[in-house]
Protein backbone atom coordinates (compact mmCIF):
# COMPACT_ATOMS: atom_id res chain seq x y z
CA UNK A 1 0.00 0.00 0.00
CA UNK A 2 1.16 3.49 -0.62
CA UNK A 3 0.09 6.47 1.39
CA UNK A 4 0.11 10.19 0.64
CA UNK A 5 -0.02 12.52 3.61
CA UNK A 6 -1.05 16.08 2.90
CA UNK A 7 0.04 19.28 4.59
CA UNK A 8 -1.32 21.65 1.94
CA UNK A 9 2.08 23.06 0.94
CA UNK A 10 3.71 19.65 0.87
CA UNK A 11 2.22 16.25 0.34
CA UNK A 12 3.26 12.85 1.56
CA UNK A 13 2.78 9.44 0.02
CA UNK A 14 2.85 6.01 1.56
CA UNK A 15 2.85 2.61 -0.09
CA UNK A 16 1.84 -0.48 1.79
CA UNK A 17 2.14 -4.03 0.55
CA UNK A 18 -0.61 -5.79 2.42
CA UNK A 19 -1.36 -9.36 3.22
CA UNK A 20 -3.68 -10.85 5.78
CA UNK A 21 -0.85 -11.27 8.27
CA UNK A 22 0.30 -7.67 8.09
CA UNK A 23 -3.22 -6.34 8.50
CA UNK A 24 -4.12 -8.32 11.56
CA UNK A 25 -0.82 -9.15 13.21
CA UNK A 26 2.48 -7.54 12.32
CA UNK A 27 0.92 -4.14 11.79
CA UNK A 28 0.15 -4.19 15.51
CA UNK A 29 3.55 -5.36 16.66
CA UNK A 30 6.51 -3.82 18.42
CA UNK A 31 9.66 -5.76 19.20
CA UNK A 32 9.85 -6.37 22.92
CA UNK A 33 13.47 -5.22 23.18
CA UNK A 34 12.46 -1.78 21.81
CA UNK A 35 10.02 -1.13 24.65
CA UNK A 36 10.91 0.65 27.90
CA UNK A 37 11.80 -1.79 30.66
CA UNK A 38 8.97 -0.48 32.81
CA UNK A 39 6.37 -0.78 30.03
CA UNK A 40 3.32 -2.48 31.59
CA UNK A 41 2.64 -4.93 28.76
CA UNK A 42 1.45 -8.47 29.41
CA UNK A 43 3.30 -11.46 27.99
CA UNK A 44 -0.11 -12.46 26.63
CA UNK A 45 0.53 -9.96 23.81
CA UNK A 46 3.96 -11.40 22.98
CA UNK A 47 4.21 -13.73 19.97
CA UNK A 48 6.83 -16.35 19.12
CA UNK A 49 8.85 -13.79 17.13
CA UNK A 50 9.28 -11.52 20.14
CA UNK A 51 6.73 -8.98 18.96
CA UNK A 52 4.26 -7.26 21.26
CA UNK A 53 0.86 -6.67 19.69
CA UNK A 54 -0.56 -3.44 21.07
CA UNK A 55 -3.11 -2.71 18.32
CA UNK A 56 -6.53 -4.37 18.56
CA UNK A 57 -9.10 -4.51 15.75
CA UNK A 58 -12.73 -5.08 16.73
CA UNK A 59 -15.35 -5.98 14.12
CA UNK A 60 -18.62 -4.54 15.40
CA UNK A 61 -20.92 -6.11 12.80
CA UNK A 62 -21.03 -8.25 9.68
CA UNK A 63 -23.66 -6.01 8.14
CA UNK A 64 -22.78 -3.53 5.42
CA UNK A 65 -24.78 -1.04 3.36
CA UNK A 66 -22.59 -1.62 0.27
CA UNK A 67 -21.91 -4.76 -1.78
CA UNK A 68 -18.39 -4.14 -3.06
CA UNK A 69 -17.52 -6.73 -5.68
CA UNK A 70 -14.11 -7.54 -4.17
CA UNK A 71 -15.63 -7.97 -0.72
CA UNK A 72 -19.15 -9.41 -0.79
CA UNK A 73 -21.56 -11.18 -3.17
CA UNK A 74 -24.49 -9.16 -4.52
CA UNK A 75 -26.96 -11.02 -2.30
CA UNK A 76 -24.87 -10.36 0.81
CA UNK A 77 -23.66 -12.98 3.26
CA UNK A 78 -25.36 -15.18 5.81
CA UNK A 79 -25.44 -13.20 9.03
CA UNK A 80 -24.65 -14.51 12.48
CA UNK A 81 -27.75 -14.59 14.72
CA UNK A 82 -27.97 -11.51 16.92
CA UNK A 83 -27.66 -13.35 20.26
CA UNK A 84 -24.28 -14.74 19.14
CA UNK A 85 -22.81 -11.28 18.50
CA UNK A 86 -20.93 -9.32 21.14
CA UNK A 87 -23.09 -6.89 23.05
CA UNK A 88 -21.93 -3.38 23.86
CA UNK A 89 -21.02 -4.41 27.41
CA UNK A 90 -19.10 -7.45 26.17
CA UNK A 91 -17.14 -5.35 23.66
CA UNK A 92 -16.15 -2.85 26.32
CA UNK A 93 -15.28 -5.57 28.84
CA UNK A 94 -13.03 -7.42 26.37
CA UNK A 95 -11.42 -4.18 25.20
CA UNK A 96 -10.69 -3.24 28.79
CA UNK A 97 -8.94 -6.58 29.34
CA UNK A 98 -6.72 -5.96 26.31
CA UNK A 99 -5.98 -2.35 27.23
CA UNK A 100 -5.13 -3.29 30.80
CA UNK A 101 -2.69 -5.83 29.31
CA UNK A 102 -0.92 -3.23 27.17
CA UNK A 103 -2.99 -2.56 24.04
CA UNK A 104 -2.96 1.20 23.37
CA UNK A 105 -4.78 1.43 20.03
CA UNK A 106 -8.18 0.07 19.01
CA UNK A 107 -9.67 0.16 15.52
CA UNK A 108 -13.40 -0.40 14.99
CA UNK A 109 -14.30 -2.18 11.76
CA UNK A 110 -17.10 -4.23 10.24
CA UNK A 111 -18.92 -4.86 8.00
CA UNK A 112 -19.78 -1.21 8.35
CA UNK A 113 -19.34 -0.09 11.99
CA UNK A 114 -21.57 2.99 11.70
CA UNK A 115 -24.57 0.70 11.12
CA UNK A 116 -24.59 -0.22 14.80
CA UNK A 117 -27.17 1.87 16.61
CA UNK A 118 -25.00 2.01 19.72
CA UNK A 119 -21.82 3.11 17.92
CA UNK A 120 -21.62 6.43 19.78
CA UNK A 121 -21.99 4.75 23.17
CA UNK A 122 -19.35 2.16 22.26
CA UNK A 123 -16.91 4.92 21.25
CA UNK A 124 -17.58 6.86 24.44
CA UNK A 125 -16.93 3.89 26.70
CA UNK A 126 -13.85 2.71 24.80
CA UNK A 127 -12.30 6.18 24.68
CA UNK A 128 -12.53 6.37 28.46
CA UNK A 129 -10.46 3.22 29.00
CA UNK A 130 -7.35 4.10 30.99
CA UNK A 131 -4.25 3.53 28.87
CA UNK A 132 -5.92 3.73 25.45
CA UNK A 133 -4.16 6.31 23.28
CA UNK A 134 -5.97 5.96 19.95
CA UNK A 135 -9.52 4.98 19.01
CA UNK A 136 -9.82 4.67 15.24
CA UNK A 137 -12.51 3.56 12.80
CA UNK A 138 -12.52 2.23 9.24
CA UNK A 139 -15.76 3.07 7.43
CA UNK A 140 -17.22 3.26 3.94
CA UNK A 141 -18.46 6.77 4.70
CA UNK A 142 -22.05 6.28 3.54
CA UNK A 143 -23.64 7.33 6.84
CA UNK A 144 -20.58 8.85 8.50
CA UNK A 145 -21.09 12.58 7.82
CA UNK A 146 -24.15 13.02 10.02
CA UNK A 147 -22.65 10.95 12.84
CA UNK A 148 -19.16 12.46 12.88
CA UNK A 149 -19.70 15.39 15.26
CA UNK A 150 -21.12 13.07 17.91
CA UNK A 151 -18.48 10.39 17.27
CA UNK A 152 -15.70 12.92 17.70
CA UNK A 153 -17.33 14.17 20.88
CA UNK A 154 -17.42 10.56 22.09
CA UNK A 155 -13.67 10.17 21.64
CA UNK A 156 -13.13 8.82 18.11
CA UNK A 157 -9.61 10.08 17.39
CA UNK A 158 -8.86 8.80 13.88
CA UNK A 159 -10.89 7.85 10.82
CA UNK A 160 -10.15 5.87 7.64
CA UNK A 161 -12.70 6.25 4.84
CA UNK A 162 -12.79 3.76 1.97
CA UNK A 163 -13.10 5.20 -1.54
CA UNK A 164 -11.88 3.30 -4.59
CA UNK A 165 -12.82 5.73 -7.34
CA UNK A 166 -13.50 9.41 -7.98
CA UNK A 167 -15.98 8.55 -10.75
CA UNK A 168 -19.61 8.12 -9.57
CA UNK A 169 -20.50 5.57 -12.27
CA UNK A 170 -17.51 3.41 -11.33
CA UNK A 171 -18.47 3.66 -7.67
CA UNK A 172 -21.98 2.40 -8.39
CA UNK A 173 -20.61 -0.44 -10.52
CA UNK A 174 -18.11 -1.57 -7.88
CA UNK A 175 -20.33 -1.20 -4.80
CA UNK A 176 -23.64 -2.15 -6.49
CA UNK A 177 -25.11 0.85 -4.68
CA UNK A 178 -25.39 4.62 -5.06
CA UNK A 179 -23.69 6.94 -2.58
CA UNK A 180 -20.49 8.32 -4.10
CA UNK A 181 -21.42 11.89 -3.17
CA UNK A 182 -22.14 10.81 0.42
CA UNK A 183 -18.64 9.38 0.79
CA UNK A 184 -17.12 12.63 -0.50
CA UNK A 185 -19.37 14.51 1.92
CA UNK A 186 -18.04 12.38 4.78
CA UNK A 187 -14.42 13.07 3.81
CA UNK A 188 -15.10 16.81 3.80
CA UNK A 189 -17.07 16.54 7.05
CA UNK A 190 -14.15 14.75 8.72
CA UNK A 191 -11.84 17.58 7.66
CA UNK A 192 -14.34 20.18 8.88
CA UNK A 193 -14.61 18.73 12.39
CA UNK A 194 -10.84 18.64 12.75
CA UNK A 195 -9.53 15.20 11.79
CA UNK A 196 -6.01 15.73 10.48
CA UNK A 197 -5.14 13.77 8.54
CA UNK A 198 -8.21 12.08 7.12
CA UNK A 199 -7.07 8.72 5.78
CA UNK A 200 -8.64 7.53 2.53
CA UNK A 201 -8.22 3.84 1.67
CA UNK A 202 -8.19 2.93 -2.02
CA UNK A 203 -7.99 -0.66 -3.29
CA UNK A 204 -6.27 -0.46 -6.69
CA UNK A 205 -7.45 -2.85 -9.42
CA UNK A 206 -6.11 -3.02 -12.95
CA UNK A 207 -8.64 -2.03 -15.56
CA UNK A 208 -10.94 -0.44 -13.00
CA UNK A 209 -9.28 2.42 -11.14
CA UNK A 210 -5.53 2.14 -11.76
CA UNK A 211 -5.86 5.11 -14.12
CA UNK A 212 -6.95 7.26 -11.14
CA UNK A 213 -3.87 6.79 -8.95
CA UNK A 214 -2.44 10.24 -9.67
CA UNK A 215 -5.90 11.81 -9.45
CA UNK A 216 -6.14 10.52 -5.88
CA UNK A 217 -2.70 11.92 -5.13
CA UNK A 218 -3.89 15.33 -6.32
CA UNK A 219 -6.50 15.29 -3.54
CA UNK A 220 -3.68 15.67 -1.02
CA UNK A 221 -2.40 18.89 -2.57
CA UNK A 222 -4.83 21.24 -0.81
CA UNK A 223 -6.47 19.11 1.88
CA UNK A 224 -5.21 17.23 4.98
CA UNK A 225 -5.76 13.82 3.40
CA UNK A 226 -3.59 10.69 3.45
CA UNK A 227 -4.23 8.47 0.44
CA UNK A 228 -3.55 4.83 1.22
CA UNK A 229 -3.27 2.70 -1.91
CA UNK A 230 -3.86 -0.98 -1.18
CA UNK A 231 -2.97 -3.94 -3.37
CA UNK A 232 -5.93 -6.09 -4.40
CA UNK A 233 -5.78 -9.10 -2.06
CA UNK A 234 -7.19 -12.60 -2.49
CA UNK A 235 -9.56 -14.10 0.04
CA UNK A 236 -12.46 -16.54 -0.05
CA UNK A 237 -15.29 -15.42 -2.28
CA UNK A 238 -13.88 -12.24 -3.85
CA UNK A 239 -13.04 -13.81 -7.25
CA UNK A 240 -9.44 -12.61 -7.06
CA UNK A 241 -7.50 -12.58 -10.32
CA UNK A 242 -3.78 -11.88 -10.61
CA UNK A 243 -4.47 -9.91 -13.80
CA UNK A 244 -6.30 -7.33 -11.67
CA UNK A 245 -3.36 -6.90 -9.31
CA UNK A 246 -1.36 -3.68 -9.55
CA UNK A 247 1.76 -4.27 -7.43
CA UNK A 248 3.20 -1.62 -5.16
CA UNK A 249 6.27 -1.18 -7.38
CA UNK A 250 4.11 -0.32 -10.39
CA UNK A 251 2.00 2.15 -8.40
CA UNK A 252 5.16 3.86 -7.19
CA UNK A 253 6.59 4.07 -10.72
CA UNK A 254 3.43 5.76 -11.98
CA UNK A 255 3.47 8.30 -9.17
CA UNK A 256 7.18 9.09 -9.58
CA UNK A 257 6.68 9.81 -13.28
CA UNK A 258 3.90 12.29 -12.49
CA UNK A 259 5.48 13.69 -9.31
CA UNK A 260 9.28 13.50 -9.69
CA UNK A 261 9.88 15.26 -6.37
CA UNK A 262 8.81 12.20 -4.40
CA UNK A 263 11.00 11.43 -1.38
CA UNK A 264 11.04 8.43 0.94
CA UNK A 265 10.17 9.15 4.56
CA UNK A 266 11.28 7.37 7.72
CA UNK A 267 8.62 4.86 8.73
CA UNK A 268 7.56 4.14 12.28
CA UNK A 269 8.61 0.62 13.35
CA UNK A 270 4.96 -0.50 13.45
CA UNK A 271 3.92 1.09 10.14
CA UNK A 272 2.55 -1.21 7.47
CA UNK A 273 2.83 1.58 4.88
CA UNK A 274 5.85 2.76 2.95
CA UNK A 275 5.65 6.52 3.35
CA UNK A 276 6.63 9.18 0.83
CA UNK A 277 6.43 12.95 0.55
CA UNK A 278 6.21 15.20 -2.48
CA UNK A 279 7.00 18.86 -1.82
CA UNK A 280 6.98 20.01 -5.45
CA UNK A 281 4.21 22.23 -6.75
CA UNK A 282 3.76 20.51 -10.11
C-alpha cells in the first residue's frame, strides 16, 4: 500500500504491501526489546517472534450497506444470529482486558461499523479506558457525515474512509449501490470537524481504477488527506485474479513519473505503509 499525507504546501505518500498477516498481526507489533523496561505490557501480547501486539481490531458487525464486488456477493452474506454477536457491554469488557494488558490502540471495523445503533456509546466507553491512546474507525463513509460530530465528541480520534474511485459511475458499478457523493461529503465533514489527517483507503485494481492513482494523489495537494493505496488481495469469495493486481512497485513508478519530487520518509517501526512525501508544486 502506498500512502500520501497532505500538509497543503507539501504532500506525503505512503505505499503499503498488504497481506492478511500484516493487516491483523504484524501491523500491531513492536519488538519487545524496543520497549521501555517499565512498560506495563502483558506477555499475553507477545508472539513467538518476540513482537508485542498493542493494536486491537474489533469488528462490530457483519452487516454492510454496500456490496463491493471484491468484498461481498451481490446477495450479501449469511449473518450470524444476533444473540451470538458481542453486546456493547461485552465489547467494552473485552477491550478493557486488552488495554489493561498493554494494548494502546483500538480500531473499529465491520462490516460497516456505523450501522450499529450504539456506535456512539461504544466509542464513548472505549475512549474512556485508561491507557488507550488511539480509538480509530474504518468506514465506507455512507452514513458517516451526520454521525461524525457526535463520534468525535465521544472520543473517536482517527478515521479511515474507503473510496476506490472518484468517478460516480464506477463507484456504483463496484459497490452495487449509489452513494459516491455521500462518501465525499463524509471526507469533507471529517476535515471540517478537525480530523487531520483524514485517511482515505483505495484498493487499486487493474482495468478499473488504476488510471486514477495520480488523481487521488492530487487530492492531497490542498487538503489534509492521506491516500492509502492498497494492493488487491485474495480471500475466499472475492473472485481474485492476478491480472487485476497492480503491485506496489508499479503504483510507485506511476506516481514518480507524475510527481518526480517524491522522497522516501522514515517509517515508524509499526507502520505497514511505505511513506513518501512530495513537496513540489507541479
